[in-house]
């Protein structure tokens, strides 16, 4: 993901594509690494929906750079056995995505929570 950031700043369409592909691969590896057959099965079935949802959201280059760094910090936390930090980083990532979805689809989110 970090390699795609300079291309994204240059407004090169390949940068966004590379970032998305790397993010999809990262998510798949993260889920698979748990060796949990049920979680992996759920992810495999929901991955196309997640990919489509992520493609519909727009992030600034700075936001993508921050996401890439957060993913890097997550890897470091997992390698160092810092479970609490890893969970916190995952929650930050999910909260950011949730806020983007709410911003993009406010009416749908409001009606779903009613």
PDB file of N, CA and C in Angstrom:
ATOM      1  N   UNK A   1       0.822  -1.185   0.000  1.00  0.00           N
ATOM      2  CA  UNK A   1       0.000   0.000   0.000  1.00  0.00           C
ATOM      3  C   UNK A   1       0.865   1.247   0.000  1.00  0.00           C
ATOM      4  N   UNK A   2       1.925   1.207   0.788  1.00  0.00           N
ATOM      5  CA  UNK A   2       2.789   2.381   0.883  1.00  0.00           C
ATOM      6  C   UNK A   2       3.431   2.720  -0.458  1.00  0.00           C
ATOM      7  N   UNK A   3       3.686   1.722  -1.288  1.00  0.00           N
ATOM      8  CA  UNK A   3       4.284   1.976  -2.595  1.00  0.00           C
ATOM      9  C   UNK A   3       3.327   2.697  -3.541  1.00  0.00           C
ATOM     10  N   UNK A   4       2.040   2.563  -3.293  1.00  0.00           N
ATOM     11  CA  UNK A   4       1.044   3.209  -4.153  1.00  0.00           C
ATOM     12  C   UNK A   4       0.845   4.681  -3.800  1.00  0.00           C
ATOM     13  N   UNK A   5       1.238   5.100  -2.615  1.00  0.00           N
ATOM     14  CA  UNK A   5       0.967   6.461  -2.144  1.00  0.00           C
ATOM     15  C   UNK A   5       1.561   7.535  -3.062  1.00  0.00           C
ATOM     16  N   UNK A   6       2.832   7.428  -3.483  1.00  0.00           N
ATOM     17  CA  UNK A   6       3.354   8.470  -4.383  1.00  0.00           C
ATOM     18  C   UNK A   6       2.543   8.589  -5.679  1.00  0.00           C
ATOM     19  N   UNK A   7       2.093   7.464  -6.210  1.00  0.00           N
ATOM     20  CA  UNK A   7       1.269   7.500  -7.425  1.00  0.00           C
ATOM     21  C   UNK A   7      -0.066   8.180  -7.163  1.00  0.00           C
ATOM     22  N   UNK A   8      -0.629   7.941  -5.991  1.00  0.00           N
ATOM     23  CA  UNK A   8      -1.905   8.560  -5.636  1.00  0.00           C
ATOM     24  C   UNK A   8      -1.740  10.072  -5.538  1.00  0.00           C
ATOM     25  N   UNK A   9      -0.653  10.527  -4.937  1.00  0.00           N
ATOM     26  CA  UNK A   9      -0.397  11.969  -4.854  1.00  0.00           C
ATOM     27  C   UNK A   9      -0.212  12.586  -6.241  1.00  0.00           C
ATOM     28  N   UNK A  10       0.291  11.776  -7.187  1.00  0.00           N
ATOM     29  CA  UNK A  10       0.469  12.257  -8.564  1.00  0.00           C
ATOM     30  C   UNK A  10      -0.813  12.129  -9.382  1.00  0.00           C
ATOM     31  N   UNK A  11      -1.883  11.701  -8.725  1.00  0.00           N
ATOM     32  CA  UNK A  11      -3.193  11.498  -9.365  1.00  0.00           C
ATOM     33  C   UNK A  11      -3.131  10.460 -10.492  1.00  0.00           C
ATOM     34  N   UNK A  12      -2.274   9.473 -10.306  1.00  0.00           N
ATOM     35  CA  UNK A  12      -2.162   8.362 -11.242  1.00  0.00           C
ATOM     36  C   UNK A  12      -3.191   7.308 -10.847  1.00  0.00           C
ATOM     37  N   UNK A  13      -4.089   6.968 -11.765  1.00  0.00           N
ATOM     38  CA  UNK A  13      -5.163   6.005 -11.474  1.00  0.00           C
ATOM     39  C   UNK A  13      -4.610   4.653 -11.034  1.00  0.00           C
ATOM     40  N   UNK A  14      -3.433   4.302 -11.496  1.00  0.00           N
ATOM     41  CA  UNK A  14      -2.839   3.023 -11.094  1.00  0.00           C
ATOM     42  C   UNK A  14      -2.530   3.001  -9.598  1.00  0.00           C
ATOM     43  N   UNK A  15      -2.258   4.152  -9.023  1.00  0.00           N
ATOM     44  CA  UNK A  15      -1.971   4.210  -7.592  1.00  0.00           C
ATOM     45  C   UNK A  15      -3.161   3.756  -6.767  1.00  0.00           C
ATOM     46  N   UNK A  16      -4.349   4.257  -7.101  1.00  0.00           N
ATOM     47  CA  UNK A  16      -5.556   3.841  -6.376  1.00  0.00           C
ATOM     48  C   UNK A  16      -5.826   2.363  -6.572  1.00  0.00           C
ATOM     49  N   UNK A  17      -5.624   1.887  -7.791  1.00  0.00           N
ATOM     50  CA  UNK A  17      -5.861   0.461  -8.071  1.00  0.00           C
ATOM     51  C   UNK A  17      -4.880  -0.400  -7.279  1.00  0.00           C
ATOM     52  N   UNK A  18      -3.611  -0.011  -7.269  1.00  0.00           N
ATOM     53  CA  UNK A  18      -2.603  -0.763  -6.523  1.00  0.00           C
ATOM     54  C   UNK A  18      -2.913  -0.753  -5.031  1.00  0.00           C
ATOM     55  N   UNK A  19      -3.336   0.399  -4.516  1.00  0.00           N
ATOM     56  CA  UNK A  19      -3.666   0.495  -3.094  1.00  0.00           C
ATOM     57  C   UNK A  19      -4.813  -0.449  -2.773  1.00  0.00           C
ATOM     58  N   UNK A  20      -5.872  -0.419  -3.596  1.00  0.00           N
ATOM     59  CA  UNK A  20      -7.033  -1.277  -3.353  1.00  0.00           C
ATOM     60  C   UNK A  20      -6.662  -2.751  -3.398  1.00  0.00           C
ATOM     61  N   UNK A  21      -5.876  -3.128  -4.382  1.00  0.00           N
ATOM     62  CA  UNK A  21      -5.473  -4.533  -4.486  1.00  0.00           C
ATOM     63  C   UNK A  21      -4.644  -4.956  -3.280  1.00  0.00           C
ATOM     64  N   UNK A  22      -3.735  -4.093  -2.857  1.00  0.00           N
ATOM     65  CA  UNK A  22      -2.900  -4.411  -1.693  1.00  0.00           C
ATOM     66  C   UNK A  22      -3.742  -4.476  -0.421  1.00  0.00           C
ATOM     67  N   UNK A  23      -4.711  -3.568  -0.306  1.00  0.00           N
ATOM     68  CA  UNK A  23      -5.579  -3.579   0.875  1.00  0.00           C
ATOM     69  C   UNK A  23      -6.439  -4.839   0.904  1.00  0.00           C
ATOM     70  N   UNK A  24      -6.967  -5.227  -0.244  1.00  0.00           N
ATOM     71  CA  UNK A  24      -7.760  -6.460  -0.324  1.00  0.00           C
ATOM     72  C   UNK A  24      -6.913  -7.669   0.075  1.00  0.00           C
ATOM     73  N   UNK A  25      -5.697  -7.718  -0.423  1.00  0.00           N
ATOM     74  CA  UNK A  25      -4.799  -8.826  -0.097  1.00  0.00           C
ATOM     75  C   UNK A  25      -4.445  -8.812   1.397  1.00  0.00           C
ATOM     76  N   UNK A  26      -4.205  -7.628   1.939  1.00  0.00           N
ATOM     77  CA  UNK A  26      -3.893  -7.500   3.358  1.00  0.00           C
ATOM     78  C   UNK A  26      -5.036  -8.033   4.208  1.00  0.00           C
ATOM     79  N   UNK A  27      -6.264  -7.612   3.882  1.00  0.00           N
ATOM     80  CA  UNK A  27      -7.423  -8.075   4.646  1.00  0.00           C
ATOM     81  C   UNK A  27      -7.566  -9.586   4.569  1.00  0.00           C
ATOM     82  N   UNK A  28      -7.354 -10.136   3.394  1.00  0.00           N
ATOM     83  CA  UNK A  28      -7.477 -11.588   3.212  1.00  0.00           C
ATOM     84  C   UNK A  28      -6.416 -12.327   4.030  1.00  0.00           C
ATOM     85  N   UNK A  29      -5.198 -11.832   4.014  1.00  0.00           N
ATOM     86  CA  UNK A  29      -4.113 -12.463   4.771  1.00  0.00           C
ATOM     87  C   UNK A  29      -4.380 -12.355   6.272  1.00  0.00           C
ATOM     88  N   UNK A  30      -4.852 -11.186   6.704  1.00  0.00           N
ATOM     89  CA  UNK A  30      -5.139 -10.968   8.123  1.00  0.00           C
ATOM     90  C   UNK A  30      -6.192 -11.947   8.621  1.00  0.00           C
ATOM     91  N   UNK A  31      -7.241 -12.148   7.845  1.00  0.00           N
ATOM     92  CA  UNK A  31      -8.298 -13.088   8.233  1.00  0.00           C
ATOM     93  C   UNK A  31      -7.774 -14.523   8.195  1.00  0.00           C
ATOM     94  N   UNK A  32      -7.068 -14.866   7.131  1.00  0.00           N
ATOM     95  CA  UNK A  32      -6.557 -16.243   6.978  1.00  0.00           C
ATOM     96  C   UNK A  32      -5.563 -16.604   8.075  1.00  0.00           C
ATOM     97  N   UNK A  33      -4.805 -15.634   8.541  1.00  0.00           N
ATOM     98  CA  UNK A  33      -3.774 -15.888   9.553  1.00  0.00           C
ATOM     99  C   UNK A  33      -4.363 -16.359  10.875  1.00  0.00           C
ATOM    100  N   UNK A  34      -5.647 -16.125  11.080  1.00  0.00           N
ATOM    101  CA  UNK A  34      -6.281 -16.553  12.320  1.00  0.00           C
ATOM    102  C   UNK A  34      -6.535 -18.056  12.362  1.00  0.00           C
ATOM    103  N   UNK A  35      -6.425 -18.707  11.223  1.00  0.00           N
ATOM    104  CA  UNK A  35      -6.685 -20.150  11.127  1.00  0.00           C
ATOM    105  C   UNK A  35      -8.037 -20.521  11.715  1.00  0.00           C
ATOM    106  N   UNK A  36      -9.016 -19.661  11.472  1.00  0.00           N
ATOM    107  CA  UNK A  36     -10.368 -19.896  11.949  1.00  0.00           C
ATOM    108  C   UNK A  36     -11.240 -20.156  10.728  1.00  0.00           C
ATOM    109  N   UNK A  37     -11.644 -21.395  10.553  1.00  0.00           N
ATOM    110  CA  UNK A  37     -12.379 -21.802   9.364  1.00  0.00           C
ATOM    111  C   UNK A  37     -13.691 -21.031   9.201  1.00  0.00           C
ATOM    112  N   UNK A  38     -14.374 -20.774  10.289  1.00  0.00           N
ATOM    113  CA  UNK A  38     -15.655 -20.071  10.224  1.00  0.00           C
ATOM    114  C   UNK A  38     -15.430 -18.620   9.812  1.00  0.00           C
ATOM    115  N   UNK A  39     -14.481 -17.943  10.459  1.00  0.00           N
ATOM    116  CA  UNK A  39     -14.171 -16.557  10.118  1.00  0.00           C
ATOM    117  C   UNK A  39     -13.711 -16.448   8.668  1.00  0.00           C
ATOM    118  N   UNK A  40     -12.867 -17.377   8.238  1.00  0.00           N
ATOM    119  CA  UNK A  40     -12.386 -17.370   6.851  1.00  0.00           C
ATOM    120  C   UNK A  40     -13.526 -17.563   5.863  1.00  0.00           C
ATOM    121  N   UNK A  41     -14.447 -18.453   6.182  1.00  0.00           N
ATOM    122  CA  UNK A  41     -15.596 -18.693   5.313  1.00  0.00           C
ATOM    123  C   UNK A  41     -16.493 -17.461   5.221  1.00  0.00           C
ATOM    124  N   UNK A  42     -16.741 -16.833   6.357  1.00  0.00           N
ATOM    125  CA  UNK A  42     -17.552 -15.612   6.368  1.00  0.00           C
ATOM    126  C   UNK A  42     -16.872 -14.542   5.519  1.00  0.00           C
ATOM    127  N   UNK A  43     -15.567 -14.386   5.714  1.00  0.00           N
ATOM    128  CA  UNK A  43     -14.833 -13.368   4.959  1.00  0.00           C
ATOM    129  C   UNK A  43     -14.890 -13.650   3.457  1.00  0.00           C
ATOM    130  N   UNK A  44     -14.666 -14.887   3.077  1.00  0.00           N
ATOM    131  CA  UNK A  44     -14.688 -15.238   1.647  1.00  0.00           C
ATOM    132  C   UNK A  44     -16.032 -14.905   1.007  1.00  0.00           C
ATOM    133  N   UNK A  45     -17.111 -15.096   1.751  1.00  0.00           N
ATOM    134  CA  UNK A  45     -18.437 -14.796   1.217  1.00  0.00           C
ATOM    135  C   UNK A  45     -18.729 -13.298   1.200  1.00  0.00           C
ATOM    136  N   UNK A  46     -18.157 -12.563   2.145  1.00  0.00           N
ATOM    137  CA  UNK A  46     -18.421 -11.129   2.218  1.00  0.00           C
ATOM    138  C   UNK A  46     -17.363 -10.271   1.523  1.00  0.00           C
ATOM    139  N   UNK A  47     -16.244 -10.859   1.144  1.00  0.00           N
ATOM    140  CA  UNK A  47     -15.152 -10.098   0.530  1.00  0.00           C
ATOM    141  C   UNK A  47     -15.587  -9.302  -0.698  1.00  0.00           C
ATOM    142  N   UNK A  48     -16.371  -9.891  -1.623  1.00  0.00           N
ATOM    143  CA  UNK A  48     -16.786  -9.084  -2.778  1.00  0.00           C
ATOM    144  C   UNK A  48     -17.604  -7.854  -2.376  1.00  0.00           C
ATOM    145  N   UNK A  49     -18.455  -8.002  -1.366  1.00  0.00           N
ATOM    146  CA  UNK A  49     -19.247  -6.875  -0.886  1.00  0.00           C
ATOM    147  C   UNK A  49     -18.336  -5.819  -0.243  1.00  0.00           C
ATOM    148  N   UNK A  50     -17.382  -6.258   0.548  1.00  0.00           N
ATOM    149  CA  UNK A  50     -16.427  -5.347   1.180  1.00  0.00           C
ATOM    150  C   UNK A  50     -15.623  -4.606   0.123  1.00  0.00           C
ATOM    151  N   UNK A  51     -15.138  -5.323  -0.881  1.00  0.00           N
ATOM    152  CA  UNK A  51     -14.362  -4.697  -1.954  1.00  0.00           C
ATOM    153  C   UNK A  51     -15.177  -3.636  -2.680  1.00  0.00           C
ATOM    154  N   UNK A  52     -16.413  -3.953  -2.982  1.00  0.00           N
ATOM    155  CA  UNK A  52     -17.297  -3.005  -3.668  1.00  0.00           C
ATOM    156  C   UNK A  52     -17.554  -1.785  -2.792  1.00  0.00           C
ATOM    157  N   UNK A  53     -17.793  -2.019  -1.517  1.00  0.00           N
ATOM    158  CA  UNK A  53     -18.047  -0.912  -0.594  1.00  0.00           C
ATOM    159  C   UNK A  53     -16.824   0.000  -0.485  1.00  0.00           C
ATOM    160  N   UNK A  54     -15.650  -0.586  -0.370  1.00  0.00           N
ATOM    161  CA  UNK A  54     -14.431   0.211  -0.264  1.00  0.00           C
ATOM    162  C   UNK A  54     -14.184   1.009  -1.539  1.00  0.00           C
ATOM    163  N   UNK A  55     -14.517   0.424  -2.690  1.00  0.00           N
ATOM    164  CA  UNK A  55     -14.331   1.133  -3.961  1.00  0.00           C
ATOM    165  C   UNK A  55     -15.267   2.326  -4.078  1.00  0.00           C
ATOM    166  N   UNK A  56     -16.416   2.268  -3.425  1.00  0.00           N
ATOM    167  CA  UNK A  56     -17.378   3.365  -3.530  1.00  0.00           C
ATOM    168  C   UNK A  56     -17.020   4.539  -2.619  1.00  0.00           C
ATOM    169  N   UNK A  57     -16.146   4.314  -1.649  1.00  0.00           N
ATOM    170  CA  UNK A  57     -15.748   5.377  -0.735  1.00  0.00           C
ATOM    171  C   UNK A  57     -14.565   6.139  -1.316  1.00  0.00           C
ATOM    172  N   UNK A  58     -14.540   7.420  -1.089  1.00  0.00           N
ATOM    173  CA  UNK A  58     -13.447   8.257  -1.584  1.00  0.00           C
ATOM    174  C   UNK A  58     -12.594   8.733  -0.413  1.00  0.00           C
ATOM    175  N   UNK A  59     -11.308   8.539  -0.549  1.00  0.00           N
ATOM    176  CA  UNK A  59     -10.351   8.964   0.458  1.00  0.00           C
ATOM    177  C   UNK A  59      -9.370   9.932  -0.177  1.00  0.00           C
ATOM    178  N   UNK A  60      -8.932  10.908   0.602  1.00  0.00           N
ATOM    179  CA  UNK A  60      -7.900  11.815   0.120  1.00  0.00           C
ATOM    180  C   UNK A  60      -6.566  11.072   0.136  1.00  0.00           C
ATOM    181  N   UNK A  61      -5.588  11.561  -0.614  1.00  0.00           N
ATOM    182  CA  UNK A  61      -4.267  10.930  -0.549  1.00  0.00           C
ATOM    183  C   UNK A  61      -3.719  10.876   0.878  1.00  0.00           C
ATOM    184  N   UNK A  62      -3.947  11.934   1.643  1.00  0.00           N
ATOM    185  CA  UNK A  62      -3.465  11.954   3.028  1.00  0.00           C
ATOM    186  C   UNK A  62      -4.156  10.883   3.878  1.00  0.00           C
ATOM    187  N   UNK A  63      -5.456  10.687   3.662  1.00  0.00           N
ATOM    188  CA  UNK A  63      -6.189   9.650   4.393  1.00  0.00           C
ATOM    189  C   UNK A  63      -5.677   8.259   4.013  1.00  0.00           C
ATOM    190  N   UNK A  64      -5.384   8.042   2.743  1.00  0.00           N
ATOM    191  CA  UNK A  64      -4.849   6.743   2.311  1.00  0.00           C
ATOM    192  C   UNK A  64      -3.456   6.515   2.881  1.00  0.00           C
ATOM    193  N   UNK A  65      -2.668   7.562   2.932  1.00  0.00           N
ATOM    194  CA  UNK A  65      -1.329   7.444   3.518  1.00  0.00           C
ATOM    195  C   UNK A  65      -1.443   7.050   4.991  1.00  0.00           C
ATOM    196  N   UNK A  66      -2.380   7.679   5.709  1.00  0.00           N
ATOM    197  CA  UNK A  66      -2.594   7.337   7.120  1.00  0.00           C
ATOM    198  C   UNK A  66      -3.054   5.890   7.262  1.00  0.00           C
ATOM    199  N   UNK A  67      -3.957   5.445   6.378  1.00  0.00           N
ATOM    200  CA  UNK A  67      -4.416   4.049   6.443  1.00  0.00           C
ATOM    201  C   UNK A  67      -3.268   3.088   6.221  1.00  0.00           C
ATOM    202  N   UNK A  68      -2.406   3.398   5.256  1.00  0.00           N
ATOM    203  CA  UNK A  68      -1.254   2.530   4.983  1.00  0.00           C
ATOM    204  C   UNK A  68      -0.347   2.451   6.212  1.00  0.00           C
ATOM    205  N   UNK A  69      -0.129   3.591   6.872  1.00  0.00           N
ATOM    206  CA  UNK A  69       0.702   3.602   8.086  1.00  0.00           C
ATOM    207  C   UNK A  69       0.031   2.812   9.206  1.00  0.00           C
ATOM    208  N   UNK A  70      -1.287   2.986   9.349  1.00  0.00           N
ATOM    209  CA  UNK A  70      -2.005   2.232  10.379  1.00  0.00           C
ATOM    210  C   UNK A  70      -1.895   0.731  10.148  1.00  0.00           C
ATOM    211  N   UNK A  71      -1.995   0.303   8.889  1.00  0.00           N
ATOM    212  CA  UNK A  71      -1.838  -1.118   8.581  1.00  0.00           C
ATOM    213  C   UNK A  71      -0.419  -1.584   8.901  1.00  0.00           C
ATOM    214  N   UNK A  72       0.562  -0.740   8.635  1.00  0.00           N
ATOM    215  CA  UNK A  72       1.947  -1.079   8.956  1.00  0.00           C
ATOM    216  C   UNK A  72       2.125  -1.211  10.469  1.00  0.00           C
ATOM    217  N   UNK A  73       1.540  -0.272  11.216  1.00  0.00           N
ATOM    218  CA  UNK A  73       1.601  -0.343  12.686  1.00  0.00           C
ATOM    219  C   UNK A  73       0.895  -1.597  13.192  1.00  0.00           C
ATOM    220  N   UNK A  74      -0.194  -1.965  12.540  1.00  0.00           N
ATOM    221  CA  UNK A  74      -0.923  -3.174  12.921  1.00  0.00           C
ATOM    222  C   UNK A  74      -0.039  -4.404  12.745  1.00  0.00           C
ATOM    223  N   UNK A  75       0.661  -4.479  11.634  1.00  0.00           N
ATOM    224  CA  UNK A  75       1.572  -5.613  11.402  1.00  0.00           C
ATOM    225  C   UNK A  75       2.658  -5.670  12.479  1.00  0.00           C
ATOM    226  N   UNK A  76       3.219  -4.516  12.793  1.00  0.00           N
ATOM    227  CA  UNK A  76       4.251  -4.463  13.832  1.00  0.00           C
ATOM    228  C   UNK A  76       3.692  -4.914  15.181  1.00  0.00           C
ATOM    229  N   UNK A  77       2.499  -4.460  15.505  1.00  0.00           N
ATOM    230  CA  UNK A  77       1.885  -4.843  16.782  1.00  0.00           C
ATOM    231  C   UNK A  77       1.660  -6.347  16.835  1.00  0.00           C
ATOM    232  N   UNK A  78       1.180  -6.915  15.743  1.00  0.00           N
ATOM    233  CA  UNK A  78       0.953  -8.364  15.709  1.00  0.00           C
ATOM    234  C   UNK A  78       2.262  -9.131  15.815  1.00  0.00           C
ATOM    235  N   UNK A  79       3.291  -8.657  15.129  1.00  0.00           N
ATOM    236  CA  UNK A  79       4.605  -9.321  15.190  1.00  0.00           C
ATOM    237  C   UNK A  79       5.197  -9.266  16.589  1.00  0.00           C
ATOM    238  N   UNK A  80       4.927  -8.168  17.293  1.00  0.00           N
ATOM    239  CA  UNK A  80       5.490  -7.987  18.631  1.00  0.00           C
ATOM    240  C   UNK A  80       4.591  -8.516  19.739  1.00  0.00           C
ATOM    241  N   UNK A  81       3.476  -9.155  19.357  1.00  0.00           N
ATOM    242  CA  UNK A  81       2.574  -9.721  20.351  1.00  0.00           C
ATOM    243  C   UNK A  81       1.800  -8.677  21.142  1.00  0.00           C
ATOM    244  N   UNK A  82       1.653  -7.486  20.587  1.00  0.00           N
ATOM    245  CA  UNK A  82       0.938  -6.406  21.272  1.00  0.00           C
ATOM    246  C   UNK A  82      -0.542  -6.453  20.866  1.00  0.00           C
ATOM    247  N   UNK A  83      -1.235  -7.410  21.456  1.00  0.00           N
ATOM    248  CA  UNK A  83      -2.623  -7.655  21.091  1.00  0.00           C
ATOM    249  C   UNK A  83      -3.513  -6.446  21.339  1.00  0.00           C
ATOM    250  N   UNK A  84      -3.341  -5.787  22.475  1.00  0.00           N
ATOM    251  CA  UNK A  84      -4.176  -4.622  22.792  1.00  0.00           C
ATOM    252  C   UNK A  84      -3.999  -3.517  21.754  1.00  0.00           C
ATOM    253  N   UNK A  85      -2.757  -3.258  21.355  1.00  0.00           N
ATOM    254  CA  UNK A  85      -2.496  -2.242  20.336  1.00  0.00           C
ATOM    255  C   UNK A  85      -3.095  -2.658  18.995  1.00  0.00           C
ATOM    256  N   UNK A  86      -2.968  -3.934  18.651  1.00  0.00           N
ATOM    257  CA  UNK A  86      -3.532  -4.429  17.392  1.00  0.00           C
ATOM    258  C   UNK A  86      -5.041  -4.244  17.366  1.00  0.00           C
ATOM    259  N   UNK A  87      -5.706  -4.576  18.449  1.00  0.00           N
ATOM    260  CA  UNK A  87      -7.157  -4.408  18.530  1.00  0.00           C
ATOM    261  C   UNK A  87      -7.530  -2.938  18.401  1.00  0.00           C
ATOM    262  N   UNK A  88      -6.779  -2.070  19.068  1.00  0.00           N
ATOM    263  CA  UNK A  88      -7.056  -0.628  18.995  1.00  0.00           C
ATOM    264  C   UNK A  88      -6.897  -0.118  17.562  1.00  0.00           C
ATOM    265  N   UNK A  89      -5.868  -0.573  16.870  1.00  0.00           N
ATOM    266  CA  UNK A  89      -5.649  -0.147  15.480  1.00  0.00           C
ATOM    267  C   UNK A  89      -6.758  -0.651  14.558  1.00  0.00           C
ATOM    268  N   UNK A  90      -7.217  -1.856  14.797  1.00  0.00           N
ATOM    269  CA  UNK A  90      -8.324  -2.392  13.999  1.00  0.00           C
ATOM    270  C   UNK A  90      -9.584  -1.576  14.256  1.00  0.00           C
ATOM    271  N   UNK A  91      -9.835  -1.237  15.505  1.00  0.00           N
ATOM    272  CA  UNK A  91     -11.011  -0.422  15.834  1.00  0.00           C
ATOM    273  C   UNK A  91     -10.941   0.962  15.196  1.00  0.00           C
ATOM    274  N   UNK A  92      -9.757   1.558  15.163  1.00  0.00           N
ATOM    275  CA  UNK A  92      -9.585   2.859  14.505  1.00  0.00           C
ATOM    276  C   UNK A  92      -9.906   2.728  13.020  1.00  0.00           C
ATOM    277  N   UNK A  93      -9.403   1.683  12.394  1.00  0.00           N
ATOM    278  CA  UNK A  93      -9.651   1.463  10.967  1.00  0.00           C
ATOM    279  C   UNK A  93     -11.133   1.252  10.699  1.00  0.00           C
ATOM    280  N   UNK A  94     -11.771   0.418  11.497  1.00  0.00           N
ATOM    281  CA  UNK A  94     -13.200   0.151  11.296  1.00  0.00           C
ATOM    282  C   UNK A  94     -14.057   1.385  11.569  1.00  0.00           C
ATOM    283  N   UNK A  95     -13.683   2.162  12.568  1.00  0.00           N
ATOM    284  CA  UNK A  95     -14.426   3.386  12.873  1.00  0.00           C
ATOM    285  C   UNK A  95     -14.295   4.390  11.733  1.00  0.00           C
ATOM    286  N   UNK A  96     -13.113   4.502  11.179  1.00  0.00           N
ATOM    287  CA  UNK A  96     -12.905   5.396  10.031  1.00  0.00           C
ATOM    288  C   UNK A  96     -13.767   4.966   8.854  1.00  0.00           C
ATOM    289  N   UNK A  97     -13.790   3.659   8.576  1.00  0.00           N
ATOM    290  CA  UNK A  97     -14.628   3.154   7.484  1.00  0.00           C
ATOM    291  C   UNK A  97     -16.106   3.384   7.780  1.00  0.00           C
ATOM    292  N   UNK A  98     -16.505   3.148   9.022  1.00  0.00           N
ATOM    293  CA  UNK A  98     -17.901   3.363   9.403  1.00  0.00           C
ATOM    294  C   UNK A  98     -18.297   4.820   9.184  1.00  0.00           C
ATOM    295  N   UNK A  99     -17.439   5.751   9.582  1.00  0.00           N
ATOM    296  CA  UNK A  99     -17.740   7.170   9.408  1.00  0.00           C
ATOM    297  C   UNK A  99     -17.835   7.538   7.935  1.00  0.00           C
ATOM    298  N   UNK A 100     -16.976   6.952   7.108  1.00  0.00           N
ATOM    299  CA  UNK A 100     -17.038   7.204   5.659  1.00  0.00           C
ATOM    300  C   UNK A 100     -18.361   6.699   5.085  1.00  0.00           C
ATOM    301  N   UNK A 101     -18.789   5.522   5.517  1.00  0.00           N
ATOM    302  CA  UNK A 101     -20.054   4.964   5.037  1.00  0.00           C
ATOM    303  C   UNK A 101     -21.214   5.845   5.477  1.00  0.00           C
ATOM    304  N   UNK A 102     -21.206   6.293   6.720  1.00  0.00           N
ATOM    305  CA  UNK A 102     -22.272   7.153   7.225  1.00  0.00           C
ATOM    306  C   UNK A 102     -22.307   8.471   6.449  1.00  0.00           C
ATOM    307  N   UNK A 103     -21.126   9.019   6.158  1.00  0.00           N
ATOM    308  CA  UNK A 103     -21.060  10.260   5.381  1.00  0.00           C
ATOM    309  C   UNK A 103     -21.593  10.073   3.965  1.00  0.00           C
ATOM    310  N   UNK A 104     -21.307   8.930   3.369  1.00  0.00           N
ATOM    311  CA  UNK A 104     -21.711   8.688   1.981  1.00  0.00           C
ATOM    312  C   UNK A 104     -23.183   8.287   1.875  1.00  0.00           C
ATOM    313  N   UNK A 105     -23.679   7.534   2.840  1.00  0.00           N
ATOM    314  CA  UNK A 105     -25.052   7.010   2.793  1.00  0.00           C
ATOM    315  C   UNK A 105     -25.832   7.374   4.053  1.00  0.00           C
ATOM    316  N   UNK A 106     -25.973   8.655   4.383  1.00  0.00           N
ATOM    317  CA  UNK A 106     -26.614   9.025   5.646  1.00  0.00           C
ATOM    318  C   UNK A 106     -28.079   8.571   5.753  1.00  0.00           C
ATOM    319  N   UNK A 107     -28.814   8.656   4.653  1.00  0.00           N
ATOM    320  CA  UNK A 107     -30.233   8.260   4.701  1.00  0.00           C
ATOM    321  C   UNK A 107     -30.387   6.756   4.919  1.00  0.00           C
ATOM    322  N   UNK A 108     -29.574   5.980   4.231  1.00  0.00           N
ATOM    323  CA  UNK A 108     -29.645   4.524   4.360  1.00  0.00           C
ATOM    324  C   UNK A 108     -29.260   4.078   5.760  1.00  0.00           C
ATOM    325  N   UNK A 109     -28.238   4.706   6.320  1.00  0.00           N
ATOM    326  CA  UNK A 109     -27.788   4.348   7.665  1.00  0.00           C
ATOM    327  C   UNK A 109     -28.848   4.719   8.695  1.00  0.00           C
ATOM    328  N   UNK A 110     -29.447   5.892   8.527  1.00  0.00           N
ATOM    329  CA  UNK A 110     -30.488   6.334   9.464  1.00  0.00           C
ATOM    330  C   UNK A 110     -31.693   5.403   9.423  1.00  0.00           C
ATOM    331  N   UNK A 111     -32.124   5.009   8.238  1.00  0.00           N
ATOM    332  CA  UNK A 111     -33.282   4.125   8.143  1.00  0.00           C
ATOM    333  C   UNK A 111     -32.962   2.717   8.633  1.00  0.00           C
ATOM    334  N   UNK A 112     -31.732   2.274   8.490  1.00  0.00           N
ATOM    335  CA  UNK A 112     -31.343   0.935   8.966  1.00  0.00           C
ATOM    336  C   UNK A 112     -31.285   0.883  10.486  1.00  0.00           C
ATOM    337  N   UNK A 113     -30.945   1.991  11.101  1.00  0.00           N
ATOM    338  CA  UNK A 113     -30.823   1.992  12.565  1.00  0.00           C
ATOM    339  C   UNK A 113     -32.139   2.334  13.254  1.00  0.00           C
ATOM    340  N   UNK A 114     -33.157   2.693  12.466  1.00  0.00           N
ATOM    341  CA  UNK A 114     -34.467   3.048  13.063  1.00  0.00           C
ATOM    342  C   UNK A 114     -35.295   1.835  13.389  1.00  0.00           C
TER     343      UNK A 114
END
